[in-house]
Amino acid sequence: METVPPQRPQVCVVVIGYNDAAHVAEAVHSALTQGPAVSEVIAVDDCSTDGSPELLRQLAAAHPRLRVVARGVNSGGCGTPRNDGIDAGSAPYLMFLDSDDILPPGAVDALLTAATEHATEVTSGLCVRRELPSGREVPWQPELYDRPAIVRRPADRPRLVYDTLCVNKLYRTDFLRRHAIRFPDGPVVYEDFVFTARVLAAAPRIALIANPVYVWHVRRSAARLSLSLDRSGIDNWRARMDAHRQAVEILRDAGEKQLASAASAKFLEHCLRMYLRELDAHGPDYQREWWSLTRAYLETFDTADLDRAPAPGRTIGQVLLASPEPVDLPRLKQLAARPARLLPPYARAADGTPIWSDALPEVTLEHLLVRPMRLLPLAVDAELRPRTRTSVLTLRLHELYGRVAAAGPTTVDIELQARHGGHPGLRSTATWSAAPTEPNTQNTTSTPSTPDTPTGPDATWTAQVPLDLGALTSGAWHLRLKLRFADGTVRDSTARAVPGPGLLRRRALPNLHHGALLVHPYATNSGNLAVRLAPGMRGVVGVLRRRARRLLGTG
């Protein structure tokens, strides 16, 4: 394949939108300002009623490279407008952009340089999820993009199935057309799952680059959530499972068994854990239906795929399959957290094999006896007690089938990290001390703690840390831990916010730094301990006023 200089106009950017006049101009501008490599920007409007078509026509009048395709009927999804863009594009390369996102400067040049230098049909770069309005950024699937790479066939890098996005990639237009690769038409959610599977099934040569090439704006407080973010109803979960099922079938039908197996593992490790973390936000009816639907889908998995999937996703799947009714939801949520943590009780079968519980002995946990210490789902509980001068953070580390005692807990590094921006605030180090435990009535023989002998379900180590919360600025602060052991293991972790009377409530305290400090320890969606601060009387009054408005339903 002949390579051409990247500065030559040869990329078509397809921008799709529906009733997004507030953002579409910014998206189009980010594509046009990529430079001369972009030969055309095709804006496909999906029959908007909010003035978007007129806005796009005005932009096209001012920018000759912009062409507007106005659909006469709303498609109900993202696939059909993207297909329209594939049909309308005339450039050798094509990429996609949603109307509420942007391309960062230099994205097209970086992708095109790699594509032309290495003669690849698909070139992929890093996508960054940007939470708005905070601006907090989280890289999407960073493990794939930590260094540049050329993948001759997707089967050489099964992890590619984890990146189901279509927007952080540059495609050869003739590759898509030659293999008739299109998105599902109509009101389909997670259409990019199916499209990406079709791309991988065609076995393209792929270049991976470390450059950020796409900014995915996450607006959770928007009046109209994006199709993928609106997980309020069970239909969203049905749509995700259906898209995943289609993706696996496409890969299997193409003979890509290794990719299909990796896609099944991705469902367990990513999709299942994400929705399980949110399950307690729904009522009992939703939970029962979710459990039933998920269990029915998992029953279609190949046993070998389930067994090969990484823990803890595999364990969660096994619990679902073992119980026809929802069970142990709080414990499963903690196992679904990142990093995972397995809460007590730590049951064993009669032969000493670790098991999920006495009620589900068929779910065995032998892997916990041999898994590297740094990867174990260690459980740390945390209580934060705000006080006028110095607040006190109490941590409790749980034993896990003798592994913790064998490794020898020594110290824990504590850091309060700003939720927005990630910059560190308070840092401290504490020493673990063994907590007294109740006698083990099941095994009264005193034996040294080893990886193969139990130490009792309530064996713990504790650490206390004084914290000057008044030294921090206003905002939310997340607790990050680094656990250190005598055997040399270092384990990054979070801590579970312990529920209890008076532990997770707002307190207004007198403070030497600010006069007053409003302190609110709370549990994140994953159950991790975090704290929200509002220093000064103005901050205290402002927070209380906003809370009153929410309670009254006026703001």
Protein backbone atom coordinates (compact mmCIF):
# COMPACT_ATOMS: atom_id res chain seq x y z
CA MET A 1 0.00 0.00 0.00
CA GLU A 2 1.44 3.36 -1.02
CA THR A 3 2.18 5.76 1.83
CA VAL A 4 1.64 9.49 1.40
CA PRO A 5 2.75 12.48 3.48
CA PRO A 6 0.40 13.03 6.43
CA GLN A 7 -0.03 16.72 5.66
CA ARG A 8 -1.93 15.86 2.46
CA PRO A 9 -5.73 16.21 2.93
CA GLN A 10 -6.98 12.65 3.25
CA VAL A 11 -9.14 12.30 6.38
CA CYS A 12 -12.91 12.60 6.65
CA VAL A 13 -14.28 13.27 10.14
CA VAL A 14 -17.92 12.21 10.54
CA VAL A 15 -19.70 14.19 13.28
CA ILE A 16 -23.11 12.88 14.35
CA GLY A 17 -25.66 14.69 16.50
CA TYR A 18 -29.25 14.93 17.57
CA ASN A 19 -30.73 17.95 19.41
CA ASP A 20 -27.29 19.01 20.60
CA ALA A 21 -27.06 22.61 19.44
CA ALA A 22 -25.29 23.51 22.69
CA HIS A 23 -22.23 21.40 21.83
CA VAL A 24 -22.12 20.46 18.16
CA ALA A 25 -20.32 23.63 17.06
CA GLU A 26 -17.46 22.89 19.46
CA ALA A 27 -17.17 19.35 18.11
CA VAL A 28 -17.12 20.55 14.49
CA HIS A 29 -14.56 23.24 15.35
CA SER A 30 -12.28 20.66 16.99
CA ALA A 31 -12.34 18.65 13.74
CA LEU A 32 -11.79 21.61 11.42
CA THR A 33 -8.84 22.89 13.45
CA GLN A 34 -6.97 19.59 13.12
CA GLY A 35 -5.24 21.15 10.15
CA PRO A 36 -4.86 20.37 6.43
CA ALA A 37 -4.88 16.59 6.96
CA VAL A 38 -8.67 16.84 7.32
CA SER A 39 -10.09 17.11 3.84
CA GLU A 40 -13.72 17.12 4.89
CA VAL A 41 -15.96 17.18 7.93
CA ILE A 42 -19.37 15.59 7.39
CA ALA A 43 -21.93 16.60 10.01
CA VAL A 44 -24.87 14.19 10.02
CA ASP A 45 -27.87 15.67 11.81
CA ASP A 46 -30.39 13.03 12.90
CA CYS A 47 -33.52 15.13 12.32
CA SER A 48 -32.94 17.55 15.20
CA THR A 49 -35.66 19.96 16.35
CA ASP A 50 -33.55 22.32 18.50
CA GLY A 51 -32.00 24.52 15.80
CA SER A 52 -29.01 22.27 15.16
CA PRO A 53 -29.66 22.02 11.36
CA GLU A 54 -29.65 25.81 10.92
CA LEU A 55 -26.56 26.18 13.10
CA LEU A 56 -24.74 23.56 11.01
CA ARG A 57 -25.79 25.26 7.75
CA GLN A 58 -24.35 28.54 9.02
CA LEU A 59 -21.11 26.83 9.95
CA ALA A 60 -20.94 25.15 6.53
CA ALA A 61 -21.36 28.51 4.81
CA ALA A 62 -18.29 29.78 6.64
CA HIS A 63 -16.19 26.60 6.29
CA PRO A 64 -15.94 25.01 2.81
CA ARG A 65 -14.61 21.72 4.24
CA LEU A 66 -17.81 21.22 6.26
CA ARG A 67 -20.68 19.36 4.60
CA VAL A 68 -24.05 18.82 6.28
CA VAL A 69 -26.16 15.69 5.81
CA ALA A 70 -29.64 16.30 7.23
CA ARG A 71 -31.68 13.18 7.88
CA GLY A 72 -35.42 13.47 7.26
CA VAL A 73 -36.37 10.90 9.91
CA ASN A 74 -34.78 10.37 13.30
CA SER A 75 -33.04 7.00 13.49
CA GLY A 76 -33.24 6.63 17.27
CA GLY A 77 -29.59 5.68 17.63
CA CYS A 78 -26.02 6.47 16.63
CA GLY A 79 -25.46 3.70 14.07
CA THR A 80 -27.52 4.96 11.14
CA PRO A 81 -26.03 8.49 11.12
CA ARG A 82 -22.53 7.00 11.19
CA ASN A 83 -23.43 4.72 8.29
CA ASP A 84 -24.61 7.80 6.39
CA GLY A 85 -21.20 9.31 7.02
CA ILE A 86 -19.42 6.20 5.72
CA ASP A 87 -21.51 6.40 2.55
CA ALA A 88 -20.94 10.13 2.06
CA GLY A 89 -17.20 10.26 2.78
CA SER A 90 -14.79 10.63 -0.13
CA ALA A 91 -11.43 10.68 1.70
CA PRO A 92 -9.04 7.69 1.97
CA TYR A 93 -9.37 7.68 5.78
CA LEU A 94 -12.35 8.14 8.06
CA MET A 95 -13.00 8.67 11.76
CA PHE A 96 -16.03 9.36 13.94
CA LEU A 97 -16.84 12.13 16.41
CA ASP A 98 -19.93 12.57 18.59
CA SER A 99 -21.47 16.02 18.81
CA ASP A 100 -20.83 16.39 22.55
CA ASP A 101 -17.15 15.37 22.42
CA ILE A 102 -14.01 16.86 20.87
CA LEU A 103 -10.80 15.89 19.13
CA PRO A 104 -7.74 17.22 20.99
CA PRO A 105 -5.19 19.23 18.95
CA GLY A 106 -2.90 17.03 16.88
CA ALA A 107 -5.11 13.94 17.07
CA VAL A 108 -5.57 13.47 13.32
CA ASP A 109 -1.91 14.08 12.49
CA ALA A 110 -0.80 11.54 15.12
CA LEU A 111 -3.20 8.87 13.82
CA LEU A 112 -2.50 9.57 10.16
CA THR A 113 1.27 9.53 10.61
CA ALA A 114 1.12 6.06 12.15
CA ALA A 115 -1.39 4.81 9.57
CA THR A 116 0.69 5.92 6.56
CA GLU A 117 4.07 4.93 7.99
CA HIS A 118 2.93 1.41 8.89
CA ALA A 119 0.31 0.83 6.17
CA THR A 120 -2.42 -0.09 8.66
CA GLU A 121 -6.14 -0.40 7.98
CA VAL A 122 -6.98 0.69 11.53
CA THR A 123 -5.02 3.06 13.76
CA SER A 124 -6.08 3.56 17.36
CA GLY A 125 -5.08 6.02 20.10
CA LEU A 126 -5.90 6.87 23.67
CA CYS A 127 -9.37 8.14 24.59
CA VAL A 128 -9.70 10.31 27.69
CA ARG A 129 -12.97 10.46 29.62
CA ARG A 130 -13.43 14.01 30.91
CA GLU A 131 -15.99 14.47 33.69
CA LEU A 132 -17.85 17.76 33.37
CA PRO A 133 -18.03 20.26 34.87
CA SER A 134 -15.14 19.17 37.13
CA GLY A 135 -12.67 18.50 34.31
CA ARG A 136 -11.43 15.29 35.96
CA GLU A 137 -9.84 13.06 33.33
CA VAL A 138 -9.59 9.26 33.30
CA PRO A 139 -7.87 7.38 30.45
CA TRP A 140 -9.90 4.68 28.73
CA GLN A 141 -8.18 1.27 28.53
CA PRO A 142 -4.73 2.77 29.17
CA GLU A 143 -3.05 -0.66 29.18
CA LEU A 144 -3.51 -0.86 25.40
CA TYR A 145 -1.89 2.50 24.76
CA ASP A 146 1.04 2.67 27.16
CA ARG A 147 3.46 2.33 24.22
CA PRO A 148 3.22 2.33 20.39
CA ALA A 149 2.74 -1.06 18.76
CA ILE A 150 1.94 -2.70 15.45
CA VAL A 151 -0.52 -5.59 15.62
CA ARG A 152 -0.42 -7.76 12.51
CA ARG A 153 -3.67 -9.53 13.39
CA PRO A 154 -6.11 -8.77 16.23
CA ALA A 155 -5.69 -12.33 17.55
CA ASP A 156 -2.11 -11.37 18.46
CA ARG A 157 -3.52 -8.87 20.99
CA PRO A 158 -6.79 -10.27 22.44
CA ARG A 159 -6.99 -7.30 24.82
CA LEU A 160 -8.16 -5.26 21.80
CA VAL A 161 -11.71 -6.48 22.44
CA TYR A 162 -11.77 -4.43 25.66
CA ASP A 163 -11.68 -1.18 23.65
CA THR A 164 -15.13 -1.22 22.06
CA LEU A 165 -15.09 2.49 21.18
CA CYS A 166 -15.24 3.42 17.51
CA VAL A 167 -14.34 7.09 17.98
CA ASN A 168 -10.66 6.86 18.96
CA LYS A 169 -9.72 5.14 15.73
CA LEU A 170 -8.78 6.05 12.15
CA TYR A 171 -10.07 3.64 9.50
CA ARG A 172 -9.12 3.09 5.89
CA THR A 173 -12.35 3.91 4.10
CA ASP A 174 -11.79 1.22 1.46
CA PHE A 175 -11.23 -1.35 4.24
CA LEU A 176 -14.67 -0.62 5.73
CA ARG A 177 -16.36 -0.71 2.33
CA ARG A 178 -14.52 -3.80 1.06
CA HIS A 179 -15.64 -5.82 4.08
CA ALA A 180 -19.12 -4.16 4.22
CA ILE A 181 -18.46 -3.13 7.82
CA ARG A 182 -21.32 -1.03 9.11
CA PHE A 183 -23.08 -0.16 12.34
CA PRO A 184 -26.43 -1.71 13.30
CA ASP A 185 -29.20 0.58 12.05
CA GLY A 186 -32.04 2.02 14.08
CA PRO A 187 -32.57 2.52 17.82
CA VAL A 188 -29.67 0.34 18.95
CA VAL A 189 -27.63 1.09 22.08
CA TYR A 190 -23.99 -0.07 22.22
CA GLU A 191 -23.85 -0.21 18.44
CA ASP A 192 -20.09 0.28 18.65
CA PHE A 193 -19.76 -3.16 20.33
CA VAL A 194 -21.07 -4.77 17.14
CA PHE A 195 -19.15 -2.47 14.79
CA THR A 196 -15.85 -3.10 16.60
CA ALA A 197 -16.42 -6.86 16.49
CA ARG A 198 -16.99 -6.64 12.73
CA VAL A 199 -13.79 -4.65 12.35
CA LEU A 200 -11.74 -7.17 14.36
CA ALA A 201 -13.35 -10.12 12.55
CA ALA A 202 -11.98 -8.72 9.27
CA ALA A 203 -8.44 -9.16 10.69
CA PRO A 204 -7.01 -5.70 9.95
CA ARG A 205 -3.42 -4.65 10.49
CA ILE A 206 -3.59 -2.23 13.44
CA ALA A 207 -1.33 0.50 14.78
CA LEU A 208 -1.62 1.54 18.43
CA ILE A 209 -0.28 4.93 19.48
CA ALA A 210 0.11 6.45 22.94
CA ASN A 211 -1.18 9.90 21.93
CA PRO A 212 -4.53 11.15 23.30
CA VAL A 213 -6.76 11.33 20.21
CA TYR A 214 -10.28 11.69 21.61
CA VAL A 215 -11.91 13.49 24.54
CA TRP A 216 -15.09 11.80 25.72
CA HIS A 217 -17.19 14.31 27.67
CA VAL A 218 -19.15 12.70 30.50
CA ARG A 219 -22.06 14.91 31.57
CA ARG A 220 -23.83 12.95 34.30
CA SER A 221 -25.93 15.95 35.35
CA ALA A 222 -27.20 16.68 31.84
CA ALA A 223 -30.96 16.96 31.40
CA ARG A 224 -30.75 14.31 28.68
CA LEU A 225 -28.13 11.63 29.37
CA SER A 226 -26.33 9.92 26.54
CA LEU A 227 -27.77 6.54 25.53
CA SER A 228 -24.97 4.60 27.24
CA LEU A 229 -25.00 6.67 30.46
CA ASP A 230 -28.75 6.33 31.01
CA ARG A 231 -28.72 3.14 33.07
CA SER A 232 -31.86 3.92 35.07
CA GLY A 233 -33.94 1.14 33.51
CA ILE A 234 -33.37 -2.55 32.88
CA ASP A 235 -33.59 -2.02 29.10
CA ASN A 236 -30.08 -0.56 29.14
CA TRP A 237 -28.69 -3.78 30.61
CA ARG A 238 -30.66 -5.85 28.11
CA ALA A 239 -29.20 -3.76 25.29
CA ARG A 240 -25.66 -4.21 26.56
CA MET A 241 -26.05 -7.98 26.88
CA ASP A 242 -27.60 -8.19 23.41
CA ALA A 243 -24.77 -6.15 21.85
CA HIS A 244 -22.20 -8.28 23.65
CA ARG A 245 -23.89 -11.48 22.49
CA GLN A 246 -23.80 -10.26 18.88
CA ALA A 247 -20.14 -9.28 19.18
CA VAL A 248 -19.13 -12.73 20.48
CA GLU A 249 -21.12 -14.46 17.72
CA ILE A 250 -19.46 -12.31 15.05
CA LEU A 251 -15.99 -13.19 16.31
CA ARG A 252 -16.79 -16.90 16.62
CA ASP A 253 -18.34 -17.04 13.15
CA ALA A 254 -15.14 -15.47 11.79
CA GLY A 255 -13.06 -18.21 13.42
CA GLU A 256 -11.59 -15.81 15.98
CA LYS A 257 -12.16 -18.07 18.99
CA GLN A 258 -9.44 -16.42 21.06
CA LEU A 259 -11.00 -12.98 20.55
CA ALA A 260 -14.47 -14.35 21.34
CA SER A 261 -13.15 -15.83 24.59
CA ALA A 262 -11.51 -12.52 25.47
CA ALA A 263 -14.81 -10.73 24.79
CA SER A 264 -16.57 -13.06 27.24
CA ALA A 265 -13.90 -12.31 29.84
CA LYS A 266 -14.39 -8.59 29.23
CA PHE A 267 -18.11 -8.93 29.95
CA LEU A 268 -17.36 -10.53 33.31
CA GLU A 269 -14.47 -8.27 34.26
CA HIS A 270 -15.87 -4.93 33.04
CA CYS A 271 -19.60 -4.93 32.28
CA LEU A 272 -20.75 -7.22 35.07
CA ARG A 273 -18.67 -5.47 37.73
CA MET A 274 -19.76 -1.99 36.62
CA TYR A 275 -23.49 -2.72 36.78
CA LEU A 276 -23.17 -4.71 40.00
CA ARG A 277 -21.58 -1.71 41.72
CA GLU A 278 -24.73 0.27 40.88
CA LEU A 279 -27.25 -2.44 41.71
CA ASP A 280 -28.03 -1.19 45.23
CA ALA A 281 -29.27 2.08 43.72
CA HIS A 282 -32.25 0.19 42.29
CA GLY A 283 -35.23 -1.36 43.99
CA PRO A 284 -35.86 -5.06 44.73
CA ASP A 285 -37.90 -5.61 41.54
CA TYR A 286 -35.08 -4.29 39.34
CA GLN A 287 -32.51 -6.33 41.26
CA ARG A 288 -34.45 -9.56 40.82
CA GLU A 289 -34.97 -8.96 37.10
CA TRP A 290 -31.32 -7.98 36.62
CA TRP A 291 -30.19 -11.12 38.45
CA SER A 292 -32.49 -13.36 36.40
CA LEU A 293 -31.48 -11.83 33.04
CA THR A 294 -27.79 -11.94 33.85
CA ARG A 295 -27.94 -15.49 35.12
CA ALA A 296 -29.75 -16.63 31.96
CA TYR A 297 -27.09 -14.98 29.79
CA LEU A 298 -24.19 -16.45 31.77
CA GLU A 299 -25.69 -19.91 31.31
CA THR A 300 -24.95 -19.53 27.57
CA PHE A 301 -21.21 -19.01 28.20
CA ASP A 302 -18.76 -21.79 27.40
CA THR A 303 -17.59 -23.33 30.66
CA ALA A 304 -13.99 -23.00 29.51
CA ASP A 305 -14.44 -19.25 28.86
CA LEU A 306 -15.91 -18.77 32.33
CA ASP A 307 -13.10 -20.76 33.95
CA ARG A 308 -10.42 -18.80 32.08
CA ALA A 309 -11.86 -15.40 32.95
CA PRO A 310 -9.87 -13.42 35.53
CA ALA A 311 -11.04 -13.09 39.11
CA PRO A 312 -13.03 -11.41 40.56
CA GLY A 313 -15.35 -11.27 37.53
CA ARG A 314 -15.25 -15.06 37.33
CA THR A 315 -16.21 -15.42 41.01
CA ILE A 316 -19.10 -12.99 40.62
CA GLY A 317 -20.35 -14.96 37.62
CA GLN A 318 -20.11 -18.22 39.55
CA VAL A 319 -22.17 -16.80 42.44
CA LEU A 320 -24.84 -15.65 40.00
CA LEU A 321 -25.00 -19.08 38.39
CA ALA A 322 -25.12 -20.84 41.76
CA SER A 323 -28.11 -18.95 43.16
CA PRO A 324 -31.46 -18.52 41.37
CA GLU A 325 -32.29 -15.54 43.58
CA PRO A 326 -30.24 -12.43 44.43
CA VAL A 327 -27.86 -13.19 47.27
CA ASP A 328 -25.02 -11.44 49.11
CA LEU A 329 -25.46 -8.20 47.13
CA PRO A 330 -23.45 -5.98 49.54
CA ARG A 331 -20.57 -8.46 49.51
CA LEU A 332 -20.70 -8.83 45.71
CA LYS A 333 -20.64 -5.04 45.32
CA GLN A 334 -17.41 -4.88 47.30
CA LEU A 335 -15.88 -7.64 45.17
CA ALA A 336 -16.90 -5.65 42.07
CA ALA A 337 -15.12 -2.53 43.35
CA ARG A 338 -11.77 -1.40 41.90
CA PRO A 339 -9.58 -2.58 43.45
CA ALA A 340 -11.67 -5.56 44.50
CA ARG A 341 -12.13 -6.47 48.15
CA LEU A 342 -13.64 -9.63 49.59
CA LEU A 343 -15.46 -9.05 52.86
CA PRO A 344 -15.91 -11.65 55.60
CA PRO A 345 -17.00 -14.31 56.28
CA TYR A 346 -14.15 -16.41 54.92
CA ALA A 347 -15.72 -19.86 54.85
CA ARG A 348 -14.07 -23.21 54.17
CA ALA A 349 -15.39 -26.57 53.05
CA ALA A 350 -14.92 -29.64 55.24
CA ASP A 351 -11.64 -30.42 53.46
CA GLY A 352 -10.33 -26.89 54.11
CA THR A 353 -10.99 -25.53 50.60
CA PRO A 354 -11.90 -21.80 50.66
CA ILE A 355 -15.50 -21.30 49.52
CA TRP A 356 -17.77 -18.31 48.96
CA SER A 357 -20.10 -19.22 51.83
CA ASP A 358 -21.61 -22.17 53.62
CA ALA A 359 -24.77 -21.60 51.57
CA LEU A 360 -22.87 -21.72 48.23
CA PRO A 361 -20.07 -24.26 48.75
CA GLU A 362 -19.92 -24.96 45.01
CA VAL A 363 -18.29 -21.54 44.48
CA THR A 364 -14.72 -22.32 45.45
CA LEU A 365 -11.96 -19.79 46.03
CA GLU A 366 -8.81 -21.91 45.85
CA HIS A 367 -7.14 -19.27 43.68
CA LEU A 368 -6.84 -17.06 46.76
CA LEU A 369 -4.31 -19.49 48.23
CA VAL A 370 -1.90 -19.10 45.30
CA ARG A 371 -2.69 -15.71 43.79
CA PRO A 372 0.13 -13.15 44.21
CA MET A 373 -0.32 -11.13 47.39
CA ARG A 374 -0.35 -7.84 45.46
CA LEU A 375 -3.44 -9.03 43.53
CA LEU A 376 -5.52 -10.38 46.41
CA PRO A 377 -8.92 -8.76 47.12
CA LEU A 378 -7.84 -7.55 50.56
CA ALA A 379 -10.55 -5.89 52.63
CA VAL A 380 -9.78 -2.71 54.56
CA ASP A 381 -12.53 -0.97 56.54
CA ALA A 382 -12.32 2.71 57.41
CA GLU A 383 -14.01 5.00 59.92
CA LEU A 384 -13.43 8.75 59.89
CA ARG A 385 -14.42 10.60 63.04
CA PRO A 386 -14.27 14.37 62.49
CA ARG A 387 -13.14 16.35 65.53
CA THR A 388 -12.56 20.02 66.28
CA ARG A 389 -8.76 19.91 66.30
CA THR A 390 -7.61 16.67 64.73
CA SER A 391 -9.88 14.10 63.09
CA VAL A 392 -9.12 10.42 63.52
CA LEU A 393 -9.05 7.84 60.72
CA THR A 394 -9.26 4.21 61.90
CA LEU A 395 -8.36 1.43 59.45
CA ARG A 396 -9.01 -2.27 59.90
CA LEU A 397 -7.31 -4.86 57.65
CA HIS A 398 -8.99 -8.28 57.47
CA GLU A 399 -7.26 -11.64 57.29
CA LEU A 400 -7.81 -13.64 54.09
CA TYR A 401 -7.34 -17.40 54.53
CA GLY A 402 -4.01 -16.93 56.33
CA ARG A 403 -2.40 -14.94 53.50
CA VAL A 404 -2.26 -11.62 55.37
CA ALA A 405 -0.60 -13.07 58.48
CA ALA A 406 1.89 -14.97 56.33
CA ALA A 407 2.88 -11.80 54.46
CA GLY A 408 3.18 -9.81 57.70
CA PRO A 409 1.43 -6.41 57.60
CA THR A 410 3.88 -3.66 58.57
CA THR A 411 2.74 -0.17 57.58
CA VAL A 412 0.12 1.64 55.54
CA ASP A 413 0.66 4.86 53.57
CA ILE A 414 -2.43 7.08 53.63
CA GLU A 415 -3.21 9.80 51.13
CA LEU A 416 -6.26 12.01 50.69
CA GLN A 417 -6.39 12.74 46.98
CA ALA A 418 -8.56 15.42 45.36
CA ARG A 419 -11.38 13.85 43.37
CA HIS A 420 -11.08 16.58 40.76
CA GLY A 421 -7.57 16.81 39.42
CA GLY A 422 -6.12 13.96 41.47
CA HIS A 423 -3.55 16.14 43.26
CA PRO A 424 -2.48 14.90 46.71
CA GLY A 425 -3.54 16.58 49.94
CA LEU A 426 -2.73 15.03 53.29
CA ARG A 427 -0.20 12.20 53.50
CA SER A 428 0.70 10.03 56.46
CA THR A 429 2.06 6.60 57.40
CA ALA A 430 0.82 4.35 60.18
CA THR A 431 1.89 1.02 61.64
CA TRP A 432 -0.45 -1.96 61.76
CA SER A 433 -1.06 -3.65 65.08
CA ALA A 434 -2.79 -6.98 65.56
CA ALA A 435 -6.28 -6.65 66.99
CA PRO A 436 -7.54 -9.12 69.61
CA THR A 437 -9.83 -11.78 68.19
CA GLU A 438 -12.48 -14.06 69.59
CA PRO A 439 -11.45 -17.70 70.09
CA ASN A 440 -11.93 -19.90 67.03
CA THR A 441 -14.48 -22.47 68.18
CA GLN A 442 -14.15 -24.48 64.97
CA ASN A 443 -10.43 -25.12 65.43
CA THR A 444 -9.07 -24.66 68.94
CA THR A 445 -5.60 -25.93 68.07
CA SER A 446 -3.11 -23.07 68.07
CA THR A 447 -1.05 -23.21 64.88
CA PRO A 448 1.23 -20.72 63.19
CA SER A 449 -0.42 -18.68 60.46
CA THR A 450 0.48 -20.02 57.03
CA PRO A 451 -1.10 -19.61 53.59
CA ASP A 452 -2.80 -22.96 54.03
CA THR A 453 -4.18 -22.70 57.57
CA PRO A 454 -7.05 -20.49 58.72
CA THR A 455 -6.55 -17.81 61.35
CA GLY A 456 -10.24 -17.31 62.05
CA PRO A 457 -12.84 -15.23 60.27
CA ASP A 458 -12.37 -12.18 62.52
CA ALA A 459 -8.58 -11.84 62.59
CA THR A 460 -7.71 -8.18 61.88
CA TRP A 461 -5.00 -5.54 62.10
CA THR A 462 -5.76 -1.92 62.96
CA ALA A 463 -4.09 1.44 62.42
CA GLN A 464 -5.09 4.92 63.57
CA VAL A 465 -4.09 8.13 61.83
CA PRO A 466 -4.66 11.74 62.99
CA LEU A 467 -5.77 14.02 60.12
CA ASP A 468 -5.85 17.81 60.00
CA LEU A 469 -8.76 18.14 57.57
CA GLY A 470 -8.74 21.91 57.94
CA ALA A 471 -5.48 22.01 55.96
CA LEU A 472 -7.36 20.85 52.84
CA THR A 473 -9.24 22.99 50.35
CA SER A 474 -12.94 22.79 49.61
CA GLY A 475 -14.18 19.81 47.61
CA ALA A 476 -14.24 16.03 47.63
CA TRP A 477 -11.22 14.01 48.75
CA HIS A 478 -10.77 10.30 48.14
CA LEU A 479 -8.81 7.99 50.42
CA ARG A 480 -5.95 6.06 48.79
CA LEU A 481 -3.86 3.46 50.62
CA LYS A 482 -0.59 1.66 50.00
CA LEU A 483 -0.34 -1.50 52.12
CA ARG A 484 3.17 -2.74 52.93
CA PHE A 485 4.12 -6.22 54.13
CA ALA A 486 7.20 -7.83 55.64
CA ASP A 487 7.60 -10.15 52.64
CA GLY A 488 8.13 -7.12 50.40
CA THR A 489 4.63 -6.96 48.94
CA VAL A 490 3.20 -3.50 48.25
CA ARG A 491 -0.53 -3.33 47.50
CA ASP A 492 -2.42 -0.24 46.35
CA SER A 493 -5.88 -0.18 47.87
CA THR A 494 -8.90 1.80 48.94
CA ALA A 495 -10.97 1.36 52.10
CA ARG A 496 -14.62 0.51 52.57
CA ALA A 497 -16.67 3.16 54.29
CA VAL A 498 -18.04 1.41 57.36
CA PRO A 499 -21.74 2.15 57.80
CA GLY A 500 -22.98 2.84 61.29
CA PRO A 501 -24.78 5.34 63.52
CA GLY A 502 -23.28 8.79 63.08
CA LEU A 503 -20.34 7.67 60.92
CA LEU A 504 -21.45 8.99 57.52
CA ARG A 505 -23.11 12.32 58.28
CA ARG A 506 -22.30 16.00 57.93
CA ARG A 507 -20.77 17.85 60.85
CA ALA A 508 -20.07 21.55 61.19
CA LEU A 509 -16.97 22.04 63.34
CA PRO A 510 -15.14 25.10 64.65
CA ASN A 511 -11.75 25.28 62.95
CA LEU A 512 -8.59 27.30 63.56
CA HIS A 513 -7.80 27.64 59.85
CA HIS A 514 -11.21 28.73 58.56
CA GLY A 515 -13.38 29.55 61.55
CA ALA A 516 -15.74 26.73 60.57
CA LEU A 517 -15.46 23.51 58.61
CA LEU A 518 -18.27 21.35 57.25
CA VAL A 519 -17.05 17.73 57.10
CA HIS A 520 -19.03 15.01 55.36
CA PRO A 521 -17.55 11.48 55.27
CA TYR A 522 -19.39 9.46 52.62
CA ALA A 523 -19.27 6.26 50.58
CA THR A 524 -18.58 6.50 46.85
CA ASN A 525 -20.54 4.43 44.32
CA SER A 526 -18.01 1.65 44.89
CA GLY A 527 -18.39 1.90 48.66
CA ASN A 528 -15.00 3.58 49.19
CA LEU A 529 -14.54 6.10 51.98
CA ALA A 530 -14.25 9.70 50.84
CA VAL A 531 -14.80 13.05 52.52
CA ARG A 532 -16.36 16.28 51.28
CA LEU A 533 -15.18 19.54 52.85
CA ALA A 534 -16.59 23.08 52.87
CA PRO A 535 -14.20 25.39 54.78
CA GLY A 536 -15.32 28.74 56.18
CA MET A 537 -18.72 30.02 57.27
CA ARG A 538 -19.59 30.91 53.67
CA GLY A 539 -18.86 27.33 52.60
CA VAL A 540 -20.89 25.88 55.46
CA VAL A 541 -23.86 28.12 54.75
CA GLY A 542 -23.64 27.46 51.00
CA VAL A 543 -23.67 23.70 51.42
CA LEU A 544 -26.53 23.81 53.91
CA ARG A 545 -28.51 26.11 51.61
CA ARG A 546 -28.02 23.78 48.61
CA ARG A 547 -29.05 20.80 50.74
CA ALA A 548 -32.19 22.62 51.86
CA ARG A 549 -33.08 23.40 48.24
CA ARG A 550 -32.69 19.74 47.29
CA LEU A 551 -34.87 18.62 50.20
CA LEU A 552 -37.54 21.15 49.23
CA GLY A 553 -37.27 20.25 45.55
CA THR A 554 -36.56 23.84 44.50
CA GLY A 555 -33.05 23.44 43.09
